[in-house]
């Protein structure tokens, strides 16, 4: 991608996120074929991180909820 191309419609970040998400989903699907526990380990790692934060403020709770939702969307099996 040409980084010098003007982002006239302010879509660059959305397009980048789509590309990254698609690549991660494909990699998780591929790796899960030989490592069926991979998705569980990814979720457990995120939960360990969030638990260590001990979310108490509204901001921390919002972060924790969004982190869980984003991870779940990335590791959901393609057939779901």
N, C-alpha and C. Protein backbone atom coordinates (compact mmCIF):
# COMPACT_ATOMS: atom_id res chain seq x y z
N UNK A 1 0.85 -1.18 0.00
CA UNK A 1 0.00 0.00 0.00
C UNK A 1 0.88 1.23 0.00
N UNK A 2 0.50 2.16 -0.77
CA UNK A 2 1.24 3.42 -0.86
C UNK A 2 0.85 4.30 0.32
N UNK A 3 1.77 4.46 1.29
CA UNK A 3 1.49 5.25 2.48
C UNK A 3 1.32 6.74 2.16
N UNK A 4 1.75 7.15 0.97
CA UNK A 4 1.64 8.56 0.60
C UNK A 4 0.29 8.87 -0.03
N UNK A 5 -0.49 7.83 -0.33
CA UNK A 5 -1.79 8.06 -0.94
C UNK A 5 -2.71 8.70 0.10
N UNK A 6 -3.33 9.82 -0.23
CA UNK A 6 -4.22 10.48 0.74
C UNK A 6 -5.42 9.59 1.09
N UNK A 7 -5.79 9.59 2.34
CA UNK A 7 -6.94 8.82 2.82
C UNK A 7 -8.16 9.73 2.80
N UNK A 8 -8.63 10.02 1.60
CA UNK A 8 -9.71 11.00 1.41
C UNK A 8 -10.99 10.64 2.15
N UNK A 9 -11.23 9.34 2.33
CA UNK A 9 -12.49 8.91 2.94
C UNK A 9 -12.30 8.39 4.36
N UNK A 10 -11.07 8.53 4.90
CA UNK A 10 -10.76 8.13 6.27
C UNK A 10 -11.09 6.65 6.52
N UNK A 11 -10.65 5.81 5.59
CA UNK A 11 -10.95 4.38 5.69
C UNK A 11 -9.70 3.53 5.94
N UNK A 12 -8.54 4.15 6.00
CA UNK A 12 -7.31 3.39 6.11
C UNK A 12 -7.29 2.46 7.33
N UNK A 13 -7.65 2.97 8.50
CA UNK A 13 -7.60 2.14 9.71
C UNK A 13 -8.58 0.98 9.64
N UNK A 14 -9.77 1.21 9.11
CA UNK A 14 -10.74 0.13 8.97
C UNK A 14 -10.25 -0.94 8.01
N UNK A 15 -9.65 -0.52 6.91
CA UNK A 15 -9.11 -1.47 5.93
C UNK A 15 -7.96 -2.27 6.53
N UNK A 16 -7.09 -1.59 7.28
CA UNK A 16 -5.98 -2.27 7.94
C UNK A 16 -6.48 -3.29 8.95
N UNK A 17 -7.47 -2.90 9.74
CA UNK A 17 -8.03 -3.80 10.75
C UNK A 17 -8.65 -5.04 10.10
N UNK A 18 -9.38 -4.83 9.01
CA UNK A 18 -9.96 -5.95 8.29
C UNK A 18 -8.89 -6.93 7.83
N UNK A 19 -7.82 -6.41 7.25
CA UNK A 19 -6.73 -7.26 6.75
C UNK A 19 -6.06 -8.03 7.90
N UNK A 20 -5.77 -7.34 8.99
CA UNK A 20 -5.12 -7.99 10.14
C UNK A 20 -6.04 -9.05 10.74
N UNK A 21 -7.30 -8.72 10.93
CA UNK A 21 -8.26 -9.67 11.50
C UNK A 21 -8.40 -10.91 10.62
N UNK A 22 -8.50 -10.72 9.31
CA UNK A 22 -8.63 -11.86 8.40
C UNK A 22 -7.41 -12.76 8.46
N UNK A 23 -6.23 -12.15 8.52
CA UNK A 23 -4.99 -12.94 8.60
C UNK A 23 -4.92 -13.72 9.91
N UNK A 24 -5.28 -13.07 11.02
CA UNK A 24 -5.24 -13.75 12.31
C UNK A 24 -6.23 -14.91 12.34
N UNK A 25 -7.45 -14.69 11.84
CA UNK A 25 -8.44 -15.77 11.82
C UNK A 25 -7.93 -16.96 11.00
N UNK A 26 -7.35 -16.68 9.84
CA UNK A 26 -6.83 -17.76 8.99
C UNK A 26 -5.71 -18.51 9.69
N UNK A 27 -4.82 -17.78 10.36
CA UNK A 27 -3.72 -18.43 11.07
C UNK A 27 -4.21 -19.26 12.24
N UNK A 28 -5.18 -18.75 12.98
CA UNK A 28 -5.74 -19.52 14.11
C UNK A 28 -6.44 -20.78 13.59
N UNK A 29 -7.22 -20.64 12.53
CA UNK A 29 -7.87 -21.83 11.96
C UNK A 29 -6.85 -22.86 11.53
N UNK A 30 -5.82 -22.41 10.84
CA UNK A 30 -4.78 -23.32 10.36
C UNK A 30 -4.05 -24.00 11.53
N UNK A 31 -3.64 -23.22 12.50
CA UNK A 31 -2.90 -23.78 13.64
C UNK A 31 -3.77 -24.69 14.50
N UNK A 32 -5.06 -24.41 14.57
CA UNK A 32 -5.96 -25.22 15.39
C UNK A 32 -6.15 -26.62 14.84
N UNK A 33 -5.87 -26.79 13.57
CA UNK A 33 -5.99 -28.13 12.98
C UNK A 33 -5.02 -29.10 13.62
N UNK A 34 -3.86 -28.62 14.00
CA UNK A 34 -2.86 -29.49 14.65
C UNK A 34 -2.76 -29.25 16.15
N UNK A 35 -3.39 -28.18 16.63
CA UNK A 35 -3.35 -27.83 18.05
C UNK A 35 -4.75 -27.45 18.50
N UNK A 36 -5.61 -28.43 18.77
CA UNK A 36 -7.00 -28.16 19.09
C UNK A 36 -7.20 -27.31 20.36
N UNK A 37 -6.21 -27.24 21.22
CA UNK A 37 -6.32 -26.49 22.47
C UNK A 37 -5.91 -25.01 22.30
N UNK A 38 -5.49 -24.63 21.11
CA UNK A 38 -4.97 -23.28 20.87
C UNK A 38 -5.97 -22.20 21.27
N UNK A 39 -7.20 -22.32 20.82
CA UNK A 39 -8.20 -21.28 21.13
C UNK A 39 -8.40 -21.13 22.64
N UNK A 40 -8.45 -22.25 23.33
CA UNK A 40 -8.60 -22.20 24.79
C UNK A 40 -7.42 -21.49 25.44
N UNK A 41 -6.21 -21.78 24.98
CA UNK A 41 -5.02 -21.14 25.56
C UNK A 41 -5.00 -19.64 25.30
N UNK A 42 -5.44 -19.23 24.12
CA UNK A 42 -5.50 -17.79 23.82
C UNK A 42 -6.47 -17.11 24.76
N UNK A 43 -7.67 -17.68 24.92
CA UNK A 43 -8.66 -17.11 25.85
C UNK A 43 -8.12 -17.07 27.27
N UNK A 44 -7.46 -18.14 27.70
CA UNK A 44 -6.91 -18.20 29.05
C UNK A 44 -5.85 -17.13 29.27
N UNK A 45 -5.04 -16.88 28.26
CA UNK A 45 -4.01 -15.84 28.36
C UNK A 45 -4.64 -14.46 28.54
N UNK A 46 -5.70 -14.19 27.79
CA UNK A 46 -6.39 -12.90 27.90
C UNK A 46 -7.04 -12.78 29.28
N UNK A 47 -7.69 -13.85 29.73
CA UNK A 47 -8.33 -13.83 31.05
C UNK A 47 -7.31 -13.61 32.16
N UNK A 48 -6.15 -14.22 32.04
CA UNK A 48 -5.09 -14.03 33.04
C UNK A 48 -4.66 -12.57 33.08
N UNK A 49 -4.51 -11.96 31.92
CA UNK A 49 -4.13 -10.55 31.84
C UNK A 49 -5.20 -9.67 32.48
N UNK A 50 -6.45 -9.91 32.11
CA UNK A 50 -7.55 -9.09 32.63
C UNK A 50 -7.70 -9.27 34.14
N UNK A 51 -7.58 -10.49 34.60
CA UNK A 51 -7.69 -10.76 36.03
C UNK A 51 -6.60 -10.02 36.81
N UNK A 52 -5.42 -9.96 36.25
CA UNK A 52 -4.32 -9.25 36.92
C UNK A 52 -4.60 -7.75 37.02
N UNK A 53 -5.39 -7.22 36.10
CA UNK A 53 -5.75 -5.81 36.15
C UNK A 53 -6.71 -5.51 37.29
N UNK A 54 -7.47 -6.52 37.68
CA UNK A 54 -8.53 -6.36 38.67
C UNK A 54 -9.41 -5.16 38.30
N UNK A 55 -10.08 -5.25 37.14
CA UNK A 55 -10.88 -4.12 36.66
C UNK A 55 -11.88 -3.63 37.71
N UNK A 56 -11.80 -2.34 38.02
CA UNK A 56 -12.71 -1.75 38.99
C UNK A 56 -13.38 -0.51 38.44
N UNK A 57 -12.65 0.31 37.72
CA UNK A 57 -13.25 1.53 37.19
C UNK A 57 -14.09 1.18 35.96
N UNK A 58 -14.94 2.11 35.58
CA UNK A 58 -15.75 1.92 34.39
C UNK A 58 -14.88 1.74 33.16
N UNK A 59 -13.78 2.48 33.09
CA UNK A 59 -12.85 2.36 31.98
C UNK A 59 -12.22 0.97 31.93
N UNK A 60 -11.79 0.46 33.07
CA UNK A 60 -11.15 -0.86 33.11
C UNK A 60 -12.14 -1.98 32.77
N UNK A 61 -13.36 -1.85 33.25
CA UNK A 61 -14.39 -2.85 32.93
C UNK A 61 -14.70 -2.82 31.44
N UNK A 62 -14.81 -1.62 30.87
CA UNK A 62 -15.07 -1.48 29.44
C UNK A 62 -13.93 -2.10 28.63
N UNK A 63 -12.69 -1.83 29.04
CA UNK A 63 -11.53 -2.42 28.36
C UNK A 63 -11.61 -3.94 28.40
N UNK A 64 -11.89 -4.50 29.58
CA UNK A 64 -11.94 -5.96 29.74
C UNK A 64 -13.02 -6.56 28.84
N UNK A 65 -14.20 -5.96 28.82
CA UNK A 65 -15.28 -6.47 27.99
C UNK A 65 -14.93 -6.42 26.50
N UNK A 66 -14.33 -5.31 26.09
CA UNK A 66 -13.96 -5.17 24.68
C UNK A 66 -12.82 -6.14 24.30
N UNK A 67 -11.87 -6.31 25.18
CA UNK A 67 -10.76 -7.24 24.91
C UNK A 67 -11.30 -8.65 24.73
N UNK A 68 -12.18 -9.07 25.62
CA UNK A 68 -12.77 -10.42 25.50
C UNK A 68 -13.52 -10.57 24.18
N UNK A 69 -14.33 -9.57 23.84
CA UNK A 69 -15.13 -9.65 22.62
C UNK A 69 -14.24 -9.70 21.38
N UNK A 70 -13.19 -8.88 21.36
CA UNK A 70 -12.29 -8.87 20.19
C UNK A 70 -11.56 -10.20 20.05
N UNK A 71 -11.07 -10.74 21.15
CA UNK A 71 -10.36 -12.02 21.09
C UNK A 71 -11.31 -13.13 20.64
N UNK A 72 -12.50 -13.15 21.21
CA UNK A 72 -13.46 -14.18 20.82
C UNK A 72 -13.80 -14.10 19.34
N UNK A 73 -13.90 -12.89 18.81
CA UNK A 73 -14.21 -12.76 17.38
C UNK A 73 -13.05 -13.24 16.51
N UNK A 74 -11.83 -13.09 17.00
CA UNK A 74 -10.66 -13.51 16.21
C UNK A 74 -10.43 -15.02 16.26
N UNK A 75 -10.83 -15.68 17.34
CA UNK A 75 -10.53 -17.10 17.46
C UNK A 75 -11.74 -17.99 17.19
N UNK A 76 -12.89 -17.38 16.87
CA UNK A 76 -14.08 -18.16 16.56
C UNK A 76 -13.79 -19.03 15.34
N UNK A 77 -14.16 -20.30 15.41
CA UNK A 77 -13.94 -21.17 14.24
C UNK A 77 -14.66 -20.63 13.01
N UNK A 78 -14.07 -20.84 11.87
CA UNK A 78 -14.62 -20.32 10.61
C UNK A 78 -16.03 -20.87 10.35
N UNK A 79 -16.34 -22.03 10.86
CA UNK A 79 -17.66 -22.63 10.62
C UNK A 79 -18.75 -22.02 11.49
N UNK A 80 -18.36 -21.13 12.44
CA UNK A 80 -19.36 -20.51 13.33
C UNK A 80 -19.94 -19.26 12.73
